């Protein structure tokens, strides 16, 4: 039988008051090309428009839009060559 030693000077950790953010879903943004984690996290209420997402692993930069944890890639048309 194991006995837990309790430090009498410590009490239970204090909890933050419940706000509606306790059940907020948080996810990592994954790179659309290599699938690895980027340096960003998003929450349910995150809204991003024309955001330049950089992947430190594959060193690719992509414009994205995020609404309600749905990520979409913004495709920009290639530059047209100038005709004479």
C-alpha atoms as a PDB file:
ATOM      1  CA  UNK A   1       0.000   0.000   0.000  1.00  0.00           C
ATOM      2  CA  UNK A   2       1.378   3.381  -1.037  1.00  0.00           C
ATOM      3  CA  UNK A   3       0.847   6.444   1.074  1.00  0.00           C
ATOM      4  CA  UNK A   4       0.777   9.893  -0.500  1.00  0.00           C
ATOM      5  CA  UNK A   5       2.669  12.544   1.387  1.00  0.00           C
ATOM      6  CA  UNK A   6       0.744  15.773   1.575  1.00  0.00           C
ATOM      7  CA  UNK A   7       2.443  19.051   2.249  1.00  0.00           C
ATOM      8  CA  UNK A   8       0.334  20.711   4.975  1.00  0.00           C
ATOM      9  CA  UNK A   9       1.324  24.203   3.802  1.00  0.00           C
ATOM     10  CA  UNK A  10      -0.202  23.741   0.341  1.00  0.00           C
ATOM     11  CA  UNK A  11      -3.872  23.921  -0.473  1.00  0.00           C
ATOM     12  CA  UNK A  12      -5.734  22.867  -3.597  1.00  0.00           C
ATOM     13  CA  UNK A  13      -4.853  24.922  -6.650  1.00  0.00           C
ATOM     14  CA  UNK A  14      -7.172  27.855  -7.207  1.00  0.00           C
ATOM     15  CA  UNK A  15      -9.442  27.579 -10.218  1.00  0.00           C
ATOM     16  CA  UNK A  16     -10.417  30.428 -12.449  1.00  0.00           C
ATOM     17  CA  UNK A  17     -14.066  31.412 -12.367  1.00  0.00           C
ATOM     18  CA  UNK A  18     -16.064  29.661 -15.049  1.00  0.00           C
ATOM     19  CA  UNK A  19     -16.514  31.939 -18.048  1.00  0.00           C
ATOM     20  CA  UNK A  20     -17.780  30.411 -21.310  1.00  0.00           C
ATOM     21  CA  UNK A  21     -14.220  29.859 -22.527  1.00  0.00           C
ATOM     22  CA  UNK A  22     -13.697  26.654 -20.557  1.00  0.00           C
ATOM     23  CA  UNK A  23     -15.312  24.541 -23.253  1.00  0.00           C
ATOM     24  CA  UNK A  24     -13.660  26.471 -26.101  1.00  0.00           C
ATOM     25  CA  UNK A  25     -12.113  24.133 -28.691  1.00  0.00           C
ATOM     26  CA  UNK A  26      -8.516  24.977 -29.620  1.00  0.00           C
ATOM     27  CA  UNK A  27      -6.602  23.392 -32.503  1.00  0.00           C
ATOM     28  CA  UNK A  28      -3.209  23.779 -34.152  1.00  0.00           C
ATOM     29  CA  UNK A  29      -3.179  25.099 -37.710  1.00  0.00           C
ATOM     30  CA  UNK A  30      -1.571  22.462 -39.923  1.00  0.00           C
ATOM     31  CA  UNK A  31       0.438  23.267 -43.035  1.00  0.00           C
ATOM     32  CA  UNK A  32      -1.699  22.576 -46.133  1.00  0.00           C
ATOM     33  CA  UNK A  33       1.370  21.271 -48.022  1.00  0.00           C
ATOM     34  CA  UNK A  34       3.365  19.073 -45.625  1.00  0.00           C
ATOM     35  CA  UNK A  35       0.749  18.550 -42.866  1.00  0.00           C
ATOM     36  CA  UNK A  36       3.023  19.503 -39.967  1.00  0.00           C
ATOM     37  CA  UNK A  37       2.078  21.862 -37.149  1.00  0.00           C
ATOM     38  CA  UNK A  38       2.682  25.543 -37.676  1.00  0.00           C
ATOM     39  CA  UNK A  39       3.328  27.962 -34.821  1.00  0.00           C
ATOM     40  CA  UNK A  40      -0.309  29.042 -34.565  1.00  0.00           C
ATOM     41  CA  UNK A  41      -3.335  27.841 -32.626  1.00  0.00           C
ATOM     42  CA  UNK A  42      -6.916  28.834 -33.391  1.00  0.00           C
ATOM     43  CA  UNK A  43     -10.051  28.822 -31.243  1.00  0.00           C
ATOM     44  CA  UNK A  44     -13.715  28.327 -32.162  1.00  0.00           C
ATOM     45  CA  UNK A  45     -14.259  32.065 -32.443  1.00  0.00           C
ATOM     46  CA  UNK A  46     -11.098  32.847 -34.479  1.00  0.00           C
ATOM     47  CA  UNK A  47     -11.672  34.670 -37.762  1.00  0.00           C
ATOM     48  CA  UNK A  48      -8.773  35.226 -40.184  1.00  0.00           C
ATOM     49  CA  UNK A  49      -8.960  36.787 -43.655  1.00  0.00           C
ATOM     50  CA  UNK A  50      -6.007  36.895 -46.072  1.00  0.00           C
ATOM     51  CA  UNK A  51      -3.634  35.627 -43.395  1.00  0.00           C
ATOM     52  CA  UNK A  52      -0.099  34.677 -44.537  1.00  0.00           C
ATOM     53  CA  UNK A  53       0.527  31.253 -42.965  1.00  0.00           C
ATOM     54  CA  UNK A  54       4.211  30.284 -42.793  1.00  0.00           C
ATOM     55  CA  UNK A  55       5.369  26.708 -42.233  1.00  0.00           C
ATOM     56  CA  UNK A  56       8.774  26.482 -40.508  1.00  0.00           C
ATOM     57  CA  UNK A  57       9.283  22.903 -41.720  1.00  0.00           C
ATOM     58  CA  UNK A  58       8.726  23.211 -45.484  1.00  0.00           C
ATOM     59  CA  UNK A  59       9.319  27.010 -45.529  1.00  0.00           C
ATOM     60  CA  UNK A  60       6.163  27.580 -47.577  1.00  0.00           C
ATOM     61  CA  UNK A  61       3.956  30.649 -47.193  1.00  0.00           C
ATOM     62  CA  UNK A  62       0.259  30.463 -48.075  1.00  0.00           C
ATOM     63  CA  UNK A  63      -2.658  32.880 -47.805  1.00  0.00           C
ATOM     64  CA  UNK A  64      -5.467  31.359 -45.742  1.00  0.00           C
ATOM     65  CA  UNK A  65      -8.887  32.264 -44.369  1.00  0.00           C
ATOM     66  CA  UNK A  66     -10.278  30.734 -41.153  1.00  0.00           C
ATOM     67  CA  UNK A  67     -13.839  30.787 -39.787  1.00  0.00           C
ATOM     68  CA  UNK A  68     -15.161  28.429 -37.072  1.00  0.00           C
ATOM     69  CA  UNK A  69     -12.073  26.156 -37.286  1.00  0.00           C
ATOM     70  CA  UNK A  70     -12.560  25.768 -41.076  1.00  0.00           C
ATOM     71  CA  UNK A  71      -9.390  26.591 -42.987  1.00  0.00           C
ATOM     72  CA  UNK A  72      -9.534  27.523 -46.662  1.00  0.00           C
ATOM     73  CA  UNK A  73      -6.608  28.311 -48.935  1.00  0.00           C
ATOM     74  CA  UNK A  74      -6.825  31.528 -50.943  1.00  0.00           C
ATOM     75  CA  UNK A  75      -5.585  30.977 -54.478  1.00  0.00           C
ATOM     76  CA  UNK A  76      -4.068  34.024 -56.104  1.00  0.00           C
ATOM     77  CA  UNK A  77      -3.828  34.143 -59.883  1.00  0.00           C
ATOM     78  CA  UNK A  78      -0.334  34.011 -61.317  1.00  0.00           C
ATOM     79  CA  UNK A  79       1.054  37.241 -62.692  1.00  0.00           C
ATOM     80  CA  UNK A  80       0.465  37.559 -66.406  1.00  0.00           C
ATOM     81  CA  UNK A  81       3.379  38.344 -68.645  1.00  0.00           C
ATOM     82  CA  UNK A  82       3.202  41.697 -70.314  1.00  0.00           C
ATOM     83  CA  UNK A  83       2.469  41.477 -74.004  1.00  0.00           C
ATOM     84  CA  UNK A  84       3.728  44.030 -76.526  1.00  0.00           C
END
